[in-house]
All heavy atoms as atom14 arrays in JSON, in Angstrom:
{
  "sequence": "LGPAAQLRAHDIAVAADLPGVGQNLIDHPEVPITAYATG",
  "atom14_mask": [
    [1, 1, 1, 1, 1, 1, 1, 1, 0, 0, 0, 0, 0, 0],
    [1, 1, 1, 1, 0, 0, 0, 0, 0, 0, 0, 0, 0, 0],
    [1, 1, 1, 1, 1, 1, 1, 0, 0, 0, 0, 0, 0, 0],
    [1, 1, 1, 1, 1, 0, 0, 0, 0, 0, 0, 0, 0, 0],
    [1, 1, 1, 1, 1, 0, 0, 0, 0, 0, 0, 0, 0, 0],
    [1, 1, 1, 1, 1, 1, 1, 1, 1, 0, 0, 0, 0, 0],
    [1, 1, 1, 1, 1, 1, 1, 1, 0, 0, 0, 0, 0, 0],
    [1, 1, 1, 1, 1, 1, 1, 1, 1, 1, 1, 0, 0, 0],
    [1, 1, 1, 1, 1, 0, 0, 0, 0, 0, 0, 0, 0, 0],
    [1, 1, 1, 1, 1, 1, 1, 1, 1, 1, 0, 0, 0, 0],
    [1, 1, 1, 1, 1, 1, 1, 1, 0, 0, 0, 0, 0, 0],
    [1, 1, 1, 1, 1, 1, 1, 1, 0, 0, 0, 0, 0, 0],
    [1, 1, 1, 1, 1, 0, 0, 0, 0, 0, 0, 0, 0, 0],
    [1, 1, 1, 1, 1, 1, 1, 0, 0, 0, 0, 0, 0, 0],
    [1, 1, 1, 1, 1, 0, 0, 0, 0, 0, 0, 0, 0, 0],
    [1, 1, 1, 1, 1, 0, 0, 0, 0, 0, 0, 0, 0, 0],
    [1, 1, 1, 1, 1, 1, 1, 1, 0, 0, 0, 0, 0, 0],
    [1, 1, 1, 1, 1, 1, 1, 1, 0, 0, 0, 0, 0, 0],
    [1, 1, 1, 1, 1, 1, 1, 0, 0, 0, 0, 0, 0, 0],
    [1, 1, 1, 1, 0, 0, 0, 0, 0, 0, 0, 0, 0, 0],
    [1, 1, 1, 1, 1, 1, 1, 0, 0, 0, 0, 0, 0, 0],
    [1, 1, 1, 1, 0, 0, 0, 0, 0, 0, 0, 0, 0, 0],
    [1, 1, 1, 1, 1, 1, 1, 1, 1, 0, 0, 0, 0, 0],
    [1, 1, 1, 1, 1, 1, 1, 1, 0, 0, 0, 0, 0, 0],
    [1, 1, 1, 1, 1, 1, 1, 1, 0, 0, 0, 0, 0, 0],
    [1, 1, 1, 1, 1, 1, 1, 1, 0, 0, 0, 0, 0, 0],
    [1, 1, 1, 1, 1, 1, 1, 1, 0, 0, 0, 0, 0, 0],
    [1, 1, 1, 1, 1, 1, 1, 1, 1, 1, 0, 0, 0, 0],
    [1, 1, 1, 1, 1, 1, 1, 0, 0, 0, 0, 0, 0, 0],
    [1, 1, 1, 1, 1, 1, 1, 1, 1, 0, 0, 0, 0, 0],
    [1, 1, 1, 1, 1, 1, 1, 0, 0, 0, 0, 0, 0, 0],
    [1, 1, 1, 1, 1, 1, 1, 0, 0, 0, 0, 0, 0, 0],
    [1, 1, 1, 1, 1, 1, 1, 1, 0, 0, 0, 0, 0, 0],
    [1, 1, 1, 1, 1, 1, 1, 0, 0, 0, 0, 0, 0, 0],
    [1, 1, 1, 1, 1, 0, 0, 0, 0, 0, 0, 0, 0, 0],
    [1, 1, 1, 1, 1, 1, 1, 1, 1, 1, 1, 1, 0, 0],
    [1, 1, 1, 1, 1, 0, 0, 0, 0, 0, 0, 0, 0, 0],
    [1, 1, 1, 1, 1, 1, 1, 0, 0, 0, 0, 0, 0, 0],
    [1, 1, 1, 1, 0, 0, 0, 0, 0, 0, 0, 0, 0, 0]
  ],
  "atom14_positions": [
    [[-38.38, 24.72, -36.94], [-39.33, 24.9, -35.85], [-40.54, 24.02, -36.12], [-41.38, 24.34, -36.97], [-39.74, 26.36, -35.74], [-38.59, 27.38, -35.65], [-39.11, 28.79, -35.82], [-37.87, 27.23, -34.31], [0.0, 0.0, 0.0], [0.0, 0.0, 0.0], [0.0, 0.0, 0.0], [0.0, 0.0, 0.0], [0.0, 0.0, 0.0], [0.0, 0.0, 0.0]],
    [[-40.65, 22.9, -35.41], [-41.75, 21.99, -35.67], [-41.52, 20.65, -35.02], [-40.64, 20.49, -34.16], [0.0, 0.0, 0.0], [0.0, 0.0, 0.0], [0.0, 0.0, 0.0], [0.0, 0.0, 0.0], [0.0, 0.0, 0.0], [0.0, 0.0, 0.0], [0.0, 0.0, 0.0], [0.0, 0.0, 0.0], [0.0, 0.0, 0.0], [0.0, 0.0, 0.0]],
    [[-42.3, 19.64, -35.41], [-42.14, 18.3, -34.84], [-40.76, 17.73, -35.19], [-40.43, 17.58, -36.37], [-43.27, 17.49, -35.5], [-44.23, 18.51, -36.04], [-43.41, 19.7, -36.38], [0.0, 0.0, 0.0], [0.0, 0.0, 0.0], [0.0, 0.0, 0.0], [0.0, 0.0, 0.0], [0.0, 0.0, 0.0], [0.0, 0.0, 0.0], [0.0, 0.0, 0.0]],
    [[-39.98, 17.43, -34.18], [-38.58, 17.06, -34.39], [-38.43, 15.87, -35.33], [-37.58, 15.87, -36.22], [-37.91, 16.78, -33.05], [0.0, 0.0, 0.0], [0.0, 0.0, 0.0], [0.0, 0.0, 0.0], [0.0, 0.0, 0.0], [0.0, 0.0, 0.0], [0.0, 0.0, 0.0], [0.0, 0.0, 0.0], [0.0, 0.0, 0.0], [0.0, 0.0, 0.0]],
    [[-39.26, 14.85, -35.14], [-39.12, 13.64, -35.97], [-39.38, 13.97, -37.44], [-38.68, 13.46, -38.33], [-40.09, 12.56, -35.49], [0.0, 0.0, 0.0], [0.0, 0.0, 0.0], [0.0, 0.0, 0.0], [0.0, 0.0, 0.0], [0.0, 0.0, 0.0], [0.0, 0.0, 0.0], [0.0, 0.0, 0.0], [0.0, 0.0, 0.0], [0.0, 0.0, 0.0]],
    [[-40.38, 14.8, -37.7], [-40.68, 15.16, -39.09], [-39.55, 15.99, -39.7], [-39.18, 15.79, -40.87], [-42.0, 15.95, -39.16], [-42.46, 16.21, -40.59], [-43.75, 17.0, -40.68], [-44.06, 17.58, -41.71], [-44.52, 17.05, -39.61], [0.0, 0.0, 0.0], [0.0, 0.0, 0.0], [0.0, 0.0, 0.0], [0.0, 0.0, 0.0], [0.0, 0.0, 0.0]],
    [[-38.98, 16.9, -38.93], [-37.88, 17.71, -39.45], [-36.66, 16.84, -39.76], [-36.04, 16.99, -40.82], [-37.5, 18.79, -38.42], [-38.6, 19.78, -38.02], [-38.04, 20.85, -37.09], [-39.26, 20.41, -39.23], [0.0, 0.0, 0.0], [0.0, 0.0, 0.0], [0.0, 0.0, 0.0], [0.0, 0.0, 0.0], [0.0, 0.0, 0.0], [0.0, 0.0, 0.0]],
    [[-36.34, 15.93, -38.86], [-35.17, 15.08, -39.07], [-35.38, 14.16, -40.28], [-34.42, 13.84, -40.99], [-34.89, 14.25, -37.83], [-34.4, 15.1, -36.64], [-34.02, 14.26, -35.44], [-33.61, 15.1, -34.32], [-34.26, 15.16, -33.16], [-35.34, 14.4, -32.95], [-33.82, 15.95, -32.19], [0.0, 0.0, 0.0], [0.0, 0.0, 0.0], [0.0, 0.0, 0.0]],
    [[-36.63, 13.77, -40.53], [-36.9, 12.93, -41.69], [-36.58, 13.65, -42.99], [-36.34, 13.01, -44.02], [-38.36, 12.49, -41.68], [0.0, 0.0, 0.0], [0.0, 0.0, 0.0], [0.0, 0.0, 0.0], [0.0, 0.0, 0.0], [0.0, 0.0, 0.0], [0.0, 0.0, 0.0], [0.0, 0.0, 0.0], [0.0, 0.0, 0.0], [0.0, 0.0, 0.0]],
    [[-36.57, 14.99, -42.95], [-36.24, 15.79, -44.14], [-34.86, 16.43, -44.0], [-34.53, 17.36, -44.76], [-37.3, 16.86, -44.36], [-38.65, 16.32, -44.72], [-38.92, 15.73, -45.95], [-39.81, 16.25, -44.0], [-40.19, 15.37, -45.98], [-40.75, 15.65, -44.82], [0.0, 0.0, 0.0], [0.0, 0.0, 0.0], [0.0, 0.0, 0.0], [0.0, 0.0, 0.0]],
    [[-34.06, 15.92, -43.06], [-32.7, 16.42, -42.85], [-32.67, 17.91, -42.53], [-31.78, 18.65, -42.97], [-31.81, 16.13, -44.07], [-31.61, 14.64, -44.29], [-31.49, 13.91, -43.28], [-31.6, 14.22, -45.45], [0.0, 0.0, 0.0], [0.0, 0.0, 0.0], [0.0, 0.0, 0.0], [0.0, 0.0, 0.0], [0.0, 0.0, 0.0], [0.0, 0.0, 0.0]],
    [[-33.64, 18.36, -41.77], [-33.69, 19.76, -41.31], [-33.24, 19.8, -39.86], [-33.78, 19.09, -39.01], [-35.11, 20.34, -41.46], [-35.54, 20.35, -42.93], [-35.18, 21.75, -40.87], [-37.0, 20.73, -43.14], [0.0, 0.0, 0.0], [0.0, 0.0, 0.0], [0.0, 0.0, 0.0], [0.0, 0.0, 0.0], [0.0, 0.0, 0.0], [0.0, 0.0, 0.0]],
    [[-32.27, 20.64, -39.57], [-31.78, 20.77, -38.2], [-32.88, 21.34, -37.3], [-33.56, 22.3, -37.68], [-30.55, 21.67, -38.16], [0.0, 0.0, 0.0], [0.0, 0.0, 0.0], [0.0, 0.0, 0.0], [0.0, 0.0, 0.0], [0.0, 0.0, 0.0], [0.0, 0.0, 0.0], [0.0, 0.0, 0.0], [0.0, 0.0, 0.0], [0.0, 0.0, 0.0]],
    [[-33.03, 20.76, -36.13], [-34.1, 21.16, -35.22], [-33.64, 22.34, -34.36], [-32.72, 22.21, -33.56], [-34.54, 19.98, -34.32], [-35.64, 20.42, -33.36], [-35.0, 18.81, -35.18], [0.0, 0.0, 0.0], [0.0, 0.0, 0.0], [0.0, 0.0, 0.0], [0.0, 0.0, 0.0], [0.0, 0.0, 0.0], [0.0, 0.0, 0.0], [0.0, 0.0, 0.0]],
    [[-34.31, 23.49, -34.54], [-34.03, 24.65, -33.69], [-34.93, 24.65, -32.46], [-34.53, 25.11, -31.39], [-34.24, 25.94, -34.49], [0.0, 0.0, 0.0], [0.0, 0.0, 0.0], [0.0, 0.0, 0.0], [0.0, 0.0, 0.0], [0.0, 0.0, 0.0], [0.0, 0.0, 0.0], [0.0, 0.0, 0.0], [0.0, 0.0, 0.0], [0.0, 0.0, 0.0]],
    [[-36.15, 24.16, -32.61], [-37.09, 24.03, -31.48], [-38.08, 22.94, -31.82], [-38.7, 22.96, -32.9], [-37.81, 25.34, -31.21], [0.0, 0.0, 0.0], [0.0, 0.0, 0.0], [0.0, 0.0, 0.0], [0.0, 0.0, 0.0], [0.0, 0.0, 0.0], [0.0, 0.0, 0.0], [0.0, 0.0, 0.0], [0.0, 0.0, 0.0], [0.0, 0.0, 0.0]],
    [[-38.22, 21.97, -30.92], [-39.17, 20.87, -31.11], [-40.56, 21.36, -30.71], [-40.88, 21.5, -29.53], [-38.76, 19.67, -30.25], [-39.7, 18.47, -30.44], [-40.54, 18.51, -31.35], [-39.57, 17.5, -29.65], [0.0, 0.0, 0.0], [0.0, 0.0, 0.0], [0.0, 0.0, 0.0], [0.0, 0.0, 0.0], [0.0, 0.0, 0.0], [0.0, 0.0, 0.0]],
    [[-41.39, 21.65, -31.72], [-42.74, 22.16, -31.51], [-43.73, 21.22, -32.19], [-44.05, 21.38, -33.37], [-42.87, 23.57, -32.08], [-41.99, 24.65, -31.44], [-42.07, 25.95, -32.23], [-42.39, 24.88, -29.99], [0.0, 0.0, 0.0], [0.0, 0.0, 0.0], [0.0, 0.0, 0.0], [0.0, 0.0, 0.0], [0.0, 0.0, 0.0], [0.0, 0.0, 0.0]],
    [[-44.21, 20.2, -31.48], [-45.03, 19.17, -32.11], [-46.36, 19.68, -32.67], [-46.97, 19.03, -33.52], [-45.27, 18.15, -30.99], [-45.0, 18.89, -29.72], [-43.95, 19.91, -30.06], [0.0, 0.0, 0.0], [0.0, 0.0, 0.0], [0.0, 0.0, 0.0], [0.0, 0.0, 0.0], [0.0, 0.0, 0.0], [0.0, 0.0, 0.0], [0.0, 0.0, 0.0]],
    [[-46.82, 20.86, -32.23], [-48.09, 21.38, -32.71], [-48.04, 22.05, -34.06], [-49.1, 22.35, -34.65], [0.0, 0.0, 0.0], [0.0, 0.0, 0.0], [0.0, 0.0, 0.0], [0.0, 0.0, 0.0], [0.0, 0.0, 0.0], [0.0, 0.0, 0.0], [0.0, 0.0, 0.0], [0.0, 0.0, 0.0], [0.0, 0.0, 0.0], [0.0, 0.0, 0.0]],
    [[-46.85, 22.31, -34.59], [-46.76, 22.99, -35.89], [-47.34, 22.08, -36.97], [-46.91, 20.94, -37.15], [-45.3, 23.36, -36.22], [-45.2, 23.88, -37.66], [-44.78, 24.4, -35.25], [0.0, 0.0, 0.0], [0.0, 0.0, 0.0], [0.0, 0.0, 0.0], [0.0, 0.0, 0.0], [0.0, 0.0, 0.0], [0.0, 0.0, 0.0], [0.0, 0.0, 0.0]],
    [[-48.32, 22.58, -37.7], [-48.97, 21.83, -38.76], [-50.15, 21.0, -38.31], [-50.91, 20.5, -39.14], [0.0, 0.0, 0.0], [0.0, 0.0, 0.0], [0.0, 0.0, 0.0], [0.0, 0.0, 0.0], [0.0, 0.0, 0.0], [0.0, 0.0, 0.0], [0.0, 0.0, 0.0], [0.0, 0.0, 0.0], [0.0, 0.0, 0.0], [0.0, 0.0, 0.0]],
    [[-50.31, 20.83, -37.0], [-51.46, 20.08, -36.49], [-52.64, 21.03, -36.26], [-52.55, 22.23, -36.41], [-51.06, 19.37, -35.19], [-49.93, 18.38, -35.37], [-50.25, 17.31, -36.4], [-51.21, 16.55, -36.24], [-49.44, 17.25, -37.45], [0.0, 0.0, 0.0], [0.0, 0.0, 0.0], [0.0, 0.0, 0.0], [0.0, 0.0, 0.0], [0.0, 0.0, 0.0]],
    [[-53.8, 20.43, -35.89], [-54.99, 21.23, -35.54], [-55.54, 22.02, -36.73], [-56.16, 23.06, -36.56], [-54.66, 22.19, -34.39], [-55.91, 22.83, -33.79], [-56.85, 22.13, -33.44], [-55.92, 24.15, -33.68], [0.0, 0.0, 0.0], [0.0, 0.0, 0.0], [0.0, 0.0, 0.0], [0.0, 0.0, 0.0], [0.0, 0.0, 0.0], [0.0, 0.0, 0.0]],
    [[-55.33, 21.52, -37.96], [-55.9, 22.2, -39.13], [-57.42, 22.12, -39.07], [-58.0, 21.03, -39.0], [-55.38, 21.56, -40.42], [-56.02, 22.06, -41.73], [-55.81, 23.56, -41.91], [-55.48, 21.29, -42.93], [0.0, 0.0, 0.0], [0.0, 0.0, 0.0], [0.0, 0.0, 0.0], [0.0, 0.0, 0.0], [0.0, 0.0, 0.0], [0.0, 0.0, 0.0]],
    [[-58.05, 23.27, -39.08], [-59.51, 23.38, -39.03], [-59.97, 24.15, -40.27], [-59.33, 25.12, -40.67], [-60.0, 24.15, -37.79], [-59.14, 23.85, -36.56], [-61.46, 23.88, -37.51], [-59.31, 24.85, -35.44], [0.0, 0.0, 0.0], [0.0, 0.0, 0.0], [0.0, 0.0, 0.0], [0.0, 0.0, 0.0], [0.0, 0.0, 0.0], [0.0, 0.0, 0.0]],
    [[-61.07, 23.74, -40.85], [-61.65, 24.49, -41.95], [-63.16, 24.3, -41.91], [-63.66, 23.3, -41.39], [-61.08, 24.01, -43.3], [-61.29, 25.01, -44.42], [-61.94, 26.05, -44.21], [-60.81, 24.74, -45.55], [0.0, 0.0, 0.0], [0.0, 0.0, 0.0], [0.0, 0.0, 0.0], [0.0, 0.0, 0.0], [0.0, 0.0, 0.0], [0.0, 0.0, 0.0]],
    [[-63.86, 25.27, -42.46], [-65.31, 25.16, -42.58], [-65.65, 24.33, -43.82], [-65.33, 24.75, -44.94], [-65.94, 26.54, -42.74], [-65.94, 27.36, -41.49], [-65.61, 28.71, -41.47], [-66.24, 27.03, -40.2], [-65.71, 29.16, -40.23], [-66.08, 28.17, -39.44], [0.0, 0.0, 0.0], [0.0, 0.0, 0.0], [0.0, 0.0, 0.0], [0.0, 0.0, 0.0]],
    [[-66.28, 23.17, -43.66], [-66.7, 22.41, -44.84], [-68.0, 22.98, -45.41], [-68.9, 23.4, -44.66], [-66.92, 21.0, -44.28], [-67.33, 21.23, -42.86], [-66.62, 22.48, -42.41], [0.0, 0.0, 0.0], [0.0, 0.0, 0.0], [0.0, 0.0, 0.0], [0.0, 0.0, 0.0], [0.0, 0.0, 0.0], [0.0, 0.0, 0.0], [0.0, 0.0, 0.0]],
    [[-68.1, 22.99, -46.72], [-69.35, 23.42, -47.36], [-69.8, 22.38, -48.36], [-68.99, 21.67, -48.96], [-69.21, 24.78, -48.05], [-68.41, 24.78, -49.34], [-68.58, 26.08, -50.12], [-68.5, 27.16, -49.53], [-68.76, 26.0, -51.36], [0.0, 0.0, 0.0], [0.0, 0.0, 0.0], [0.0, 0.0, 0.0], [0.0, 0.0, 0.0], [0.0, 0.0, 0.0]],
    [[-71.11, 22.29, -48.56], [-71.72, 21.37, -49.51], [-72.84, 22.12, -50.22], [-73.65, 22.79, -49.57], [-72.28, 20.11, -48.81], [-73.0, 19.2, -49.82], [-71.17, 19.33, -48.12], [0.0, 0.0, 0.0], [0.0, 0.0, 0.0], [0.0, 0.0, 0.0], [0.0, 0.0, 0.0], [0.0, 0.0, 0.0], [0.0, 0.0, 0.0], [0.0, 0.0, 0.0]],
    [[-72.94, 22.02, -51.56], [-73.97, 22.78, -52.28], [-75.3, 22.05, -52.37], [-75.37, 20.82, -52.35], [-73.35, 22.92, -53.68], [-72.57, 21.64, -53.84], [-72.02, 21.32, -52.47], [0.0, 0.0, 0.0], [0.0, 0.0, 0.0], [0.0, 0.0, 0.0], [0.0, 0.0, 0.0], [0.0, 0.0, 0.0], [0.0, 0.0, 0.0], [0.0, 0.0, 0.0]],
    [[-76.36, 22.84, -52.49], [-77.68, 22.38, -52.93], [-78.01, 23.24, -54.14], [-77.95, 24.48, -54.06], [-78.76, 22.57, -51.86], [-78.32, 21.99, -50.52], [-80.07, 21.95, -52.3], [-79.26, 22.33, -49.37], [0.0, 0.0, 0.0], [0.0, 0.0, 0.0], [0.0, 0.0, 0.0], [0.0, 0.0, 0.0], [0.0, 0.0, 0.0], [0.0, 0.0, 0.0]],
    [[-78.35, 22.63, -55.24], [-78.54, 23.39, -56.49], [-79.86, 23.02, -57.16], [-80.23, 21.84, -57.21], [-77.38, 23.13, -57.46], [-76.14, 23.48, -56.82], [-77.52, 23.97, -58.72], [0.0, 0.0, 0.0], [0.0, 0.0, 0.0], [0.0, 0.0, 0.0], [0.0, 0.0, 0.0], [0.0, 0.0, 0.0], [0.0, 0.0, 0.0], [0.0, 0.0, 0.0]],
    [[-80.53, 24.06, -57.67], [-81.79, 23.85, -58.38], [-81.82, 24.71, -59.64], [-81.23, 25.8, -59.67], [-82.97, 24.21, -57.49], [0.0, 0.0, 0.0], [0.0, 0.0, 0.0], [0.0, 0.0, 0.0], [0.0, 0.0, 0.0], [0.0, 0.0, 0.0], [0.0, 0.0, 0.0], [0.0, 0.0, 0.0], [0.0, 0.0, 0.0], [0.0, 0.0, 0.0]],
    [[-82.53, 24.22, -60.65], [-82.8, 25.03, -61.83], [-84.05, 25.87, -61.58], [-84.94, 25.48, -60.83], [-83.0, 24.15, -63.06], [-81.77, 23.37, -63.46], [-81.85, 22.0, -63.68], [-80.55, 24.0, -63.61], [-80.73, 21.28, -64.05], [-79.42, 23.3, -63.97], [-79.51, 21.93, -64.19], [-78.39, 21.23, -64.53], [0.0, 0.0, 0.0], [0.0, 0.0, 0.0]],
    [[-84.1, 27.05, -62.21], [-85.2, 27.98, -62.01], [-86.29, 27.79, -63.06], [-86.06, 27.23, -64.14], [-84.68, 29.41, -62.06], [0.0, 0.0, 0.0], [0.0, 0.0, 0.0], [0.0, 0.0, 0.0], [0.0, 0.0, 0.0], [0.0, 0.0, 0.0], [0.0, 0.0, 0.0], [0.0, 0.0, 0.0], [0.0, 0.0, 0.0], [0.0, 0.0, 0.0]],
    [[-87.48, 28.28, -62.73], [-88.6, 28.2, -63.67], [-88.58, 29.34, -64.68], [-89.34, 29.32, -65.65], [-89.93, 28.26, -62.9], [-89.97, 29.46, -62.13], [-90.09, 27.05, -61.98], [0.0, 0.0, 0.0], [0.0, 0.0, 0.0], [0.0, 0.0, 0.0], [0.0, 0.0, 0.0], [0.0, 0.0, 0.0], [0.0, 0.0, 0.0], [0.0, 0.0, 0.0]],
    [[-87.76, 30.33, -64.46], [-87.69, 31.47, -65.37], [-86.3, 32.06, -65.41], [-85.34, 31.48, -64.89], [0.0, 0.0, 0.0], [0.0, 0.0, 0.0], [0.0, 0.0, 0.0], [0.0, 0.0, 0.0], [0.0, 0.0, 0.0], [0.0, 0.0, 0.0], [0.0, 0.0, 0.0], [0.0, 0.0, 0.0], [0.0, 0.0, 0.0], [0.0, 0.0, 0.0]]
  ]
}
């Protein structure tokens, strides 16, 4: 179940061609700000 071309590239029989499987990956990016303390 997934993008047919990608499945066939791995010799997986296609049960349903669903091009959106694995796409649209979203994540919250984070970046630190760091300081040393006076005490």
